[in-house]
Amino acid sequence: MREIIFDTETTGFDPASGDRMVEIGCIELVNRVPTGRTFHAYYHPERDMPAAAFAVHGLSADFLAKHPVFAAGALELLDFLEDSPLVAHNARFDFGFLNHELTLCGHPEVGMHRMIDTVAIARQLHPGAKHSLDALCTRYGIDRSHRIKHGALLDAELLAQLYIELTGGRQIGLGLAQEEAKEIVRVELTESPVVRPVRPARVFMASAQELERHAAFVATLDRPLWLEEA
């Protein structure tokens, strides 16, 4: 099963008020295992960068002005996403910005039926706990020491590790190992039996000559203990 873990960075919280997506990072998973394929892009938002947003991700208007607008790279992104389920943390936020950008350049929106929200999964598993990406990484022992500021690809990489943990973690590998062990057993059971030669039973009784030699040896012993009276 192919799934895409993704994260976005934006100029704010609400695309309806003019905020735009400025970065997207995607990680490909197949059967809950990262394949090494990624997609990452920065986009020129065609507007200023509010100070509050810059403080979060550090992407300035001058830096983004050197990159293409979303419409110029939309097809490349859609080709990577294909029709796979899309996993995000607080997914409605990321889906909202992604679909807003797609609509602006005349592409169909991504269906919400493809959405998998790791916040919703975490709330079911850990009700009442903190469900931020940082808090959940700490809970599951995922190293985020290199995360100084938010970054779409970096956060997608952390989220991929978290999603694997939330949906089975190491038990997935255990299950695969068990299946491999079953396969080995099936192979062993279907192999042809080993044919070994039939050997006659060995005789362990002493021969008459051996008994005679033993008696002669015992006769040479000086007062053996087993002949003394108790």
C-alpha atoms as a PDB file:
ATOM      1  CA  MET A   1       0.000   0.000   0.000  1.00  0.00           C
ATOM      2  CA  ARG A   2       1.406   3.385  -1.035  1.00  0.00           C
ATOM      3  CA  GLU A   3       0.876   6.402   1.229  1.00  0.00           C
ATOM      4  CA  ILE A   4       2.259   9.936   1.160  1.00  0.00           C
ATOM      5  CA  ILE A   5       3.248  11.742   4.359  1.00  0.00           C
ATOM      6  CA  PHE A   6       3.253  15.487   3.781  1.00  0.00           C
ATOM      7  CA  ASP A   7       3.591  18.821   5.532  1.00  0.00           C
ATOM      8  CA  THR A   8       3.243  22.423   4.420  1.00  0.00           C
ATOM      9  CA  GLU A   9       4.526  25.830   5.497  1.00  0.00           C
ATOM     10  CA  THR A  10       2.393  28.913   4.874  1.00  0.00           C
ATOM     11  CA  THR A  11       2.157  32.665   5.342  1.00  0.00           C
ATOM     12  CA  GLY A  12      -0.560  32.246   7.985  1.00  0.00           C
ATOM     13  CA  PHE A  13      -3.538  30.214   9.120  1.00  0.00           C
ATOM     14  CA  ASP A  14      -6.351  30.974   6.677  1.00  0.00           C
ATOM     15  CA  PRO A  15      -6.175  30.704   2.882  1.00  0.00           C
ATOM     16  CA  ALA A  16      -9.581  32.404   2.649  1.00  0.00           C
ATOM     17  CA  SER A  17      -8.010  35.600   4.016  1.00  0.00           C
ATOM     18  CA  GLY A  18      -5.190  35.591   1.476  1.00  0.00           C
ATOM     19  CA  ASP A  19      -2.620  33.319   3.123  1.00  0.00           C
ATOM     20  CA  ARG A  20      -0.604  31.115   0.758  1.00  0.00           C
ATOM     21  CA  MET A  21       1.389  27.920   0.866  1.00  0.00           C
ATOM     22  CA  VAL A  22       5.135  28.546   0.556  1.00  0.00           C
ATOM     23  CA  GLU A  23       6.646  25.066   1.041  1.00  0.00           C
ATOM     24  CA  ILE A  24       5.599  21.423   0.788  1.00  0.00           C
ATOM     25  CA  GLY A  25       7.498  18.276   1.719  1.00  0.00           C
ATOM     26  CA  CYS A  26       6.358  14.720   0.930  1.00  0.00           C
ATOM     27  CA  ILE A  27       7.655  11.281   1.943  1.00  0.00           C
ATOM     28  CA  GLU A  28       6.616   8.097   0.140  1.00  0.00           C
ATOM     29  CA  LEU A  29       5.753   5.023   2.217  1.00  0.00           C
ATOM     30  CA  VAL A  30       4.973   1.590   0.832  1.00  0.00           C
ATOM     31  CA  ASN A  31       3.536  -0.856   3.363  1.00  0.00           C
ATOM     32  CA  ARG A  32       4.491   1.599   6.123  1.00  0.00           C
ATOM     33  CA  VAL A  33       8.158   1.599   5.057  1.00  0.00           C
ATOM     34  CA  PRO A  34       9.886   4.733   3.645  1.00  0.00           C
ATOM     35  CA  THR A  35      11.070   4.061   0.095  1.00  0.00           C
ATOM     36  CA  GLY A  36      13.528   6.961  -0.045  1.00  0.00           C
ATOM     37  CA  ARG A  37      11.408   8.841  -2.617  1.00  0.00           C
ATOM     38  CA  THR A  38      10.562  12.398  -1.584  1.00  0.00           C
ATOM     39  CA  PHE A  39       9.120  15.570  -3.065  1.00  0.00           C
ATOM     40  CA  HIS A  40      10.093  19.028  -1.822  1.00  0.00           C
ATOM     41  CA  ALA A  41       9.416  22.480  -3.204  1.00  0.00           C
ATOM     42  CA  TYR A  42       9.351  26.150  -2.191  1.00  0.00           C
ATOM     43  CA  TYR A  43       6.803  28.502  -3.772  1.00  0.00           C
ATOM     44  CA  HIS A  44       6.724  32.237  -4.314  1.00  0.00           C
ATOM     45  CA  PRO A  45       3.534  33.340  -2.478  1.00  0.00           C
ATOM     46  CA  GLU A  46       3.152  36.580  -4.450  1.00  0.00           C
ATOM     47  CA  ARG A  47       2.654  38.481  -1.218  1.00  0.00           C
ATOM     48  CA  ASP A  48       4.596  39.573   1.872  1.00  0.00           C
ATOM     49  CA  MET A  49       5.694  37.280   4.714  1.00  0.00           C
ATOM     50  CA  PRO A  50       4.170  38.182   8.090  1.00  0.00           C
ATOM     51  CA  ALA A  51       6.672  38.375  10.949  1.00  0.00           C
ATOM     52  CA  ALA A  52       4.807  35.720  12.971  1.00  0.00           C
ATOM     53  CA  ALA A  53       5.028  33.192  10.114  1.00  0.00           C
ATOM     54  CA  PHE A  54       8.684  34.028   9.452  1.00  0.00           C
ATOM     55  CA  ALA A  55       9.454  33.349  13.122  1.00  0.00           C
ATOM     56  CA  VAL A  56       8.045  29.831  12.729  1.00  0.00           C
ATOM     57  CA  HIS A  57       9.742  28.665   9.524  1.00  0.00           C
ATOM     58  CA  GLY A  58      12.350  31.319   8.693  1.00  0.00           C
ATOM     59  CA  LEU A  59      11.302  31.650   5.033  1.00  0.00           C
ATOM     60  CA  SER A  60      11.603  35.276   3.990  1.00  0.00           C
ATOM     61  CA  ALA A  61       9.817  36.983   1.112  1.00  0.00           C
ATOM     62  CA  ASP A  62      13.209  37.668  -0.530  1.00  0.00           C
ATOM     63  CA  PHE A  63      14.165  33.975  -0.389  1.00  0.00           C
ATOM     64  CA  LEU A  64      10.821  32.801  -1.760  1.00  0.00           C
ATOM     65  CA  ALA A  65      10.842  35.378  -4.562  1.00  0.00           C
ATOM     66  CA  LYS A  66      13.606  33.320  -6.187  1.00  0.00           C
ATOM     67  CA  HIS A  67      11.311  30.294  -6.500  1.00  0.00           C
ATOM     68  CA  PRO A  68       8.417  29.594  -8.902  1.00  0.00           C
ATOM     69  CA  VAL A  69       4.775  30.141  -8.064  1.00  0.00           C
ATOM     70  CA  PHE A  70       2.712  27.077  -7.151  1.00  0.00           C
ATOM     71  CA  ALA A  71       0.997  26.902 -10.540  1.00  0.00           C
ATOM     72  CA  ALA A  72       4.338  26.363 -12.279  1.00  0.00           C
ATOM     73  CA  GLY A  73       5.020  23.169 -10.311  1.00  0.00           C
ATOM     74  CA  ALA A  74       1.516  21.883  -9.635  1.00  0.00           C
ATOM     75  CA  LEU A  75       1.639  19.051 -12.180  1.00  0.00           C
ATOM     76  CA  GLU A  76       4.944  17.786 -10.840  1.00  0.00           C
ATOM     77  CA  LEU A  77       3.455  17.641  -7.343  1.00  0.00           C
ATOM     78  CA  LEU A  78       0.284  15.919  -8.542  1.00  0.00           C
ATOM     79  CA  ASP A  79       2.349  13.345 -10.421  1.00  0.00           C
ATOM     80  CA  PHE A  80       4.156  12.499  -7.184  1.00  0.00           C
ATOM     81  CA  LEU A  81       0.978  12.327  -5.098  1.00  0.00           C
ATOM     82  CA  GLU A  82      -0.845  10.134  -7.652  1.00  0.00           C
ATOM     83  CA  ASP A  83      -4.070   8.855  -6.022  1.00  0.00           C
ATOM     84  CA  SER A  84      -2.438   7.700  -2.784  1.00  0.00           C
ATOM     85  CA  PRO A  85      -3.824   8.392   0.700  1.00  0.00           C
ATOM     86  CA  LEU A  86      -2.290  11.565   2.153  1.00  0.00           C
ATOM     87  CA  VAL A  87      -1.154  11.639   5.776  1.00  0.00           C
ATOM     88  CA  ALA A  88      -0.679  14.922   7.632  1.00  0.00           C
ATOM     89  CA  HIS A  89      -0.635  16.210  11.203  1.00  0.00           C
ATOM     90  CA  ASN A  90      -3.769  18.296  11.769  1.00  0.00           C
ATOM     91  CA  ALA A  91      -4.533  17.339   8.190  1.00  0.00           C
ATOM     92  CA  ARG A  92      -7.443  19.717   7.545  1.00  0.00           C
ATOM     93  CA  PHE A  93      -5.008  22.621   7.761  1.00  0.00           C
ATOM     94  CA  ASP A  94      -2.646  21.176   5.145  1.00  0.00           C
ATOM     95  CA  PHE A  95      -5.476  19.917   2.929  1.00  0.00           C
ATOM     96  CA  GLY A  96      -7.062  23.375   3.077  1.00  0.00           C
ATOM     97  CA  PHE A  97      -3.951  25.099   1.767  1.00  0.00           C
ATOM     98  CA  LEU A  98      -3.170  22.404  -0.796  1.00  0.00           C
ATOM     99  CA  ASN A  99      -6.675  22.517  -2.252  1.00  0.00           C
ATOM    100  CA  HIS A 100      -6.721  26.306  -2.194  1.00  0.00           C
ATOM    101  CA  GLU A 101      -3.545  26.405  -4.304  1.00  0.00           C
ATOM    102  CA  LEU A 102      -4.882  23.766  -6.689  1.00  0.00           C
ATOM    103  CA  THR A 103      -8.127  25.686  -7.128  1.00  0.00           C
ATOM    104  CA  LEU A 104      -6.294  28.969  -7.828  1.00  0.00           C
ATOM    105  CA  CYS A 105      -4.477  27.396 -10.780  1.00  0.00           C
ATOM    106  CA  GLY A 106      -7.451  25.480 -12.149  1.00  0.00           C
ATOM    107  CA  HIS A 107      -6.744  21.949 -10.921  1.00  0.00           C
ATOM    108  CA  PRO A 108      -9.303  19.704  -9.166  1.00  0.00           C
ATOM    109  CA  GLU A 109      -9.100  19.550  -5.398  1.00  0.00           C
ATOM    110  CA  VAL A 110      -7.708  16.527  -3.594  1.00  0.00           C
ATOM    111  CA  GLY A 111     -10.614  14.492  -2.217  1.00  0.00           C
ATOM    112  CA  MET A 112     -11.007  14.572   1.547  1.00  0.00           C
ATOM    113  CA  HIS A 113     -11.576  10.812   1.491  1.00  0.00           C
ATOM    114  CA  ARG A 114      -7.823  10.507   0.957  1.00  0.00           C
ATOM    115  CA  MET A 115      -7.051  12.327   4.207  1.00  0.00           C
ATOM    116  CA  ILE A 116      -5.420  10.549   7.159  1.00  0.00           C
ATOM    117  CA  ASP A 117      -4.964  12.789  10.214  1.00  0.00           C
ATOM    118  CA  THR A 118      -2.300  11.709  12.705  1.00  0.00           C
ATOM    119  CA  VAL A 119      -3.735  14.091  15.314  1.00  0.00           C
ATOM    120  CA  ALA A 120      -7.018  12.160  15.198  1.00  0.00           C
ATOM    121  CA  ILE A 121      -5.130   8.863  15.528  1.00  0.00           C
ATOM    122  CA  ALA A 122      -3.115  10.199  18.478  1.00  0.00           C
ATOM    123  CA  ARG A 123      -6.261  11.442  20.243  1.00  0.00           C
ATOM    124  CA  GLN A 124      -7.752   7.961  20.050  1.00  0.00           C
ATOM    125  CA  LEU A 125      -4.578   6.319  21.344  1.00  0.00           C
ATOM    126  CA  HIS A 126      -3.702   8.919  23.988  1.00  0.00           C
ATOM    127  CA  PRO A 127      -6.815  10.808  25.094  1.00  0.00           C
ATOM    128  CA  GLY A 128      -6.076  13.828  27.252  1.00  0.00           C
ATOM    129  CA  ALA A 129      -2.377  13.947  26.307  1.00  0.00           C
ATOM    130  CA  LYS A 130      -0.579  16.574  24.229  1.00  0.00           C
ATOM    131  CA  HIS A 131      -0.860  15.860  20.521  1.00  0.00           C
ATOM    132  CA  SER A 132       1.588  18.304  18.968  1.00  0.00           C
ATOM    133  CA  LEU A 133       4.259  16.817  16.704  1.00  0.00           C
ATOM    134  CA  ASP A 134       6.938  17.720  19.251  1.00  0.00           C
ATOM    135  CA  ALA A 135       5.054  16.116  22.150  1.00  0.00           C
ATOM    136  CA  LEU A 136       4.352  12.916  20.234  1.00  0.00           C
ATOM    137  CA  CYS A 137       7.936  12.627  19.022  1.00  0.00           C
ATOM    138  CA  THR A 138       9.020  12.855  22.661  1.00  0.00           C
ATOM    139  CA  ARG A 139       6.467  10.205  23.678  1.00  0.00           C
ATOM    140  CA  TYR A 140       7.710   7.767  21.024  1.00  0.00           C
ATOM    141  CA  GLY A 141      11.411   8.520  21.387  1.00  0.00           C
ATOM    142  CA  ILE A 142      11.805  10.069  17.930  1.00  0.00           C
ATOM    143  CA  ASP A 143      14.907  12.269  17.729  1.00  0.00           C
ATOM    144  CA  ARG A 144      14.033  15.839  16.770  1.00  0.00           C
ATOM    145  CA  SER A 145      17.182  17.523  18.094  1.00  0.00           C
ATOM    146  CA  HIS A 146      17.974  18.788  14.578  1.00  0.00           C
ATOM    147  CA  ARG A 147      14.623  20.577  14.313  1.00  0.00           C
ATOM    148  CA  ILE A 148      15.410  24.210  15.094  1.00  0.00           C
ATOM    149  CA  LYS A 149      12.646  25.743  12.963  1.00  0.00           C
ATOM    150  CA  HIS A 150       9.684  24.226  11.162  1.00  0.00           C
ATOM    151  CA  GLY A 151      10.449  22.888   7.694  1.00  0.00           C
ATOM    152  CA  ALA A 152       8.016  20.989   5.496  1.00  0.00           C
ATOM    153  CA  LEU A 153      10.333  18.154   4.475  1.00  0.00           C
ATOM    154  CA  LEU A 154      11.928  17.845   7.919  1.00  0.00           C
ATOM    155  CA  ASP A 155       8.521  17.759   9.603  1.00  0.00           C
ATOM    156  CA  ALA A 156       7.290  15.211   7.051  1.00  0.00           C
ATOM    157  CA  GLU A 157      10.270  12.994   7.879  1.00  0.00           C
ATOM    158  CA  LEU A 158       9.463  13.203  11.603  1.00  0.00           C
ATOM    159  CA  LEU A 159       5.792  12.611  10.891  1.00  0.00           C
ATOM    160  CA  ALA A 160       6.609   9.521   8.821  1.00  0.00           C
ATOM    161  CA  GLN A 161       8.403   8.023  11.823  1.00  0.00           C
ATOM    162  CA  LEU A 162       5.525   9.003  14.098  1.00  0.00           C
ATOM    163  CA  TYR A 163       2.881   7.584  11.748  1.00  0.00           C
ATOM    164  CA  ILE A 164       4.705   4.251  11.657  1.00  0.00           C
ATOM    165  CA  GLU A 165       4.720   4.187  15.472  1.00  0.00           C
ATOM    166  CA  LEU A 166       1.072   5.205  15.730  1.00  0.00           C
ATOM    167  CA  THR A 167       0.024   2.432  13.342  1.00  0.00           C
ATOM    168  CA  GLY A 168       2.020  -0.451  14.768  1.00  0.00           C
ATOM    169  CA  GLY A 169       5.633   0.645  14.904  1.00  0.00           C
ATOM    170  CA  ARG A 170       8.105  -2.180  15.512  1.00  0.00           C
ATOM    171  CA  GLN A 171       5.248  -4.672  15.559  1.00  0.00           C
ATOM    172  CA  ILE A 172       5.057  -4.255  11.777  1.00  0.00           C
ATOM    173  CA  GLY A 173       8.602  -5.551  11.460  1.00  0.00           C
ATOM    174  CA  LEU A 174       7.811  -8.330  13.921  1.00  0.00           C
ATOM    175  CA  GLY A 175       4.822  -9.373  11.836  1.00  0.00           C
ATOM    176  CA  LEU A 176       6.936  -9.464   8.693  1.00  0.00           C
ATOM    177  CA  ALA A 177       9.546 -11.542  10.490  1.00  0.00           C
ATOM    178  CA  GLN A 178       6.865 -13.965  11.624  1.00  0.00           C
ATOM    179  CA  GLU A 179       5.555 -14.293   8.083  1.00  0.00           C
ATOM    180  CA  GLU A 180       9.090 -14.960   6.852  1.00  0.00           C
ATOM    181  CA  ALA A 181       9.506 -17.614   9.552  1.00  0.00           C
ATOM    182  CA  LYS A 182       6.240 -19.268   8.487  1.00  0.00           C
ATOM    183  CA  GLU A 183       7.444 -19.264   4.896  1.00  0.00           C
ATOM    184  CA  ILE A 184      10.685 -20.941   5.956  1.00  0.00           C
ATOM    185  CA  VAL A 185       8.723 -23.598   7.839  1.00  0.00           C
ATOM    186  CA  ARG A 186       6.527 -24.225   4.804  1.00  0.00           C
ATOM    187  CA  VAL A 187       9.610 -24.628   2.610  1.00  0.00           C
ATOM    188  CA  GLU A 188      11.207 -27.040   5.076  1.00  0.00           C
ATOM    189  CA  LEU A 189       8.054 -29.148   5.274  1.00  0.00           C
ATOM    190  CA  THR A 190       7.777 -29.431   1.525  1.00  0.00           C
ATOM    191  CA  GLU A 191      11.389 -30.454   0.932  1.00  0.00           C
ATOM    192  CA  SER A 192      12.116 -34.145   0.147  1.00  0.00           C
ATOM    193  CA  PRO A 193      13.043 -36.179   3.246  1.00  0.00           C
ATOM    194  CA  VAL A 194      16.688 -37.073   3.708  1.00  0.00           C
ATOM    195  CA  VAL A 195      17.336 -40.801   3.037  1.00  0.00           C
ATOM    196  CA  ARG A 196      19.841 -42.302   5.488  1.00  0.00           C
ATOM    197  CA  PRO A 197      21.326 -45.831   5.289  1.00  0.00           C
ATOM    198  CA  VAL A 198      19.914 -48.412   7.721  1.00  0.00           C
ATOM    199  CA  ARG A 199      22.631 -49.758  10.027  1.00  0.00           C
ATOM    200  CA  PRO A 200      22.313 -52.958  12.119  1.00  0.00           C
ATOM    201  CA  ALA A 201      22.025 -52.602  15.883  1.00  0.00           C
ATOM    202  CA  ARG A 202      25.352 -52.584  17.677  1.00  0.00           C
ATOM    203  CA  VAL A 203      26.164 -55.424  20.162  1.00  0.00           C
ATOM    204  CA  PHE A 204      27.470 -54.136  23.497  1.00  0.00           C
ATOM    205  CA  MET A 205      27.869 -57.496  25.392  1.00  0.00           C
ATOM    206  CA  ALA A 206      31.447 -58.623  26.174  1.00  0.00           C
ATOM    207  CA  SER A 207      32.700 -61.594  24.217  1.00  0.00           C
ATOM    208  CA  ALA A 208      34.054 -64.779  25.873  1.00  0.00           C
ATOM    209  CA  GLN A 209      37.635 -63.681  25.105  1.00  0.00           C
ATOM    210  CA  GLU A 210      37.014 -60.274  26.703  1.00  0.00           C
ATOM    211  CA  LEU A 211      35.566 -61.916  29.830  1.00  0.00           C
ATOM    212  CA  GLU A 212      38.577 -64.232  30.061  1.00  0.00           C
ATOM    213  CA  ARG A 213      41.039 -61.358  29.809  1.00  0.00           C
ATOM    214  CA  HIS A 214      39.099 -59.403  32.405  1.00  0.00           C
ATOM    215  CA  ALA A 215      39.205 -62.307  34.891  1.00  0.00           C
ATOM    216  CA  ALA A 216      42.966 -62.687  34.369  1.00  0.00           C
ATOM    217  CA  PHE A 217      43.442 -58.980  35.048  1.00  0.00           C
ATOM    218  CA  VAL A 218      41.353 -59.058  38.238  1.00  0.00           C
ATOM    219  CA  ALA A 219      43.451 -62.012  39.520  1.00  0.00           C
ATOM    220  CA  THR A 220      46.524 -59.806  39.482  1.00  0.00           C
ATOM    221  CA  LEU A 221      44.994 -57.216  41.801  1.00  0.00           C
ATOM    222  CA  ASP A 222      46.143 -57.105  45.444  1.00  0.00           C
ATOM    223  CA  ARG A 223      43.099 -57.336  47.764  1.00  0.00           C
ATOM    224  CA  PRO A 224      40.508 -55.541  45.591  1.00  0.00           C
ATOM    225  CA  LEU A 225      37.977 -53.619  47.669  1.00  0.00           C
ATOM    226  CA  TRP A 226      34.928 -55.344  46.273  1.00  0.00           C
ATOM    227  CA  LEU A 227      36.235 -58.730  47.593  1.00  0.00           C
ATOM    228  CA  GLU A 228      36.737 -57.473  51.149  1.00  0.00           C
ATOM    229  CA  GLU A 229      34.015 -58.155  53.695  1.00  0.00           C
ATOM    230  CA  ALA A 230      31.948 -55.220  54.717  1.00  0.00           C
END
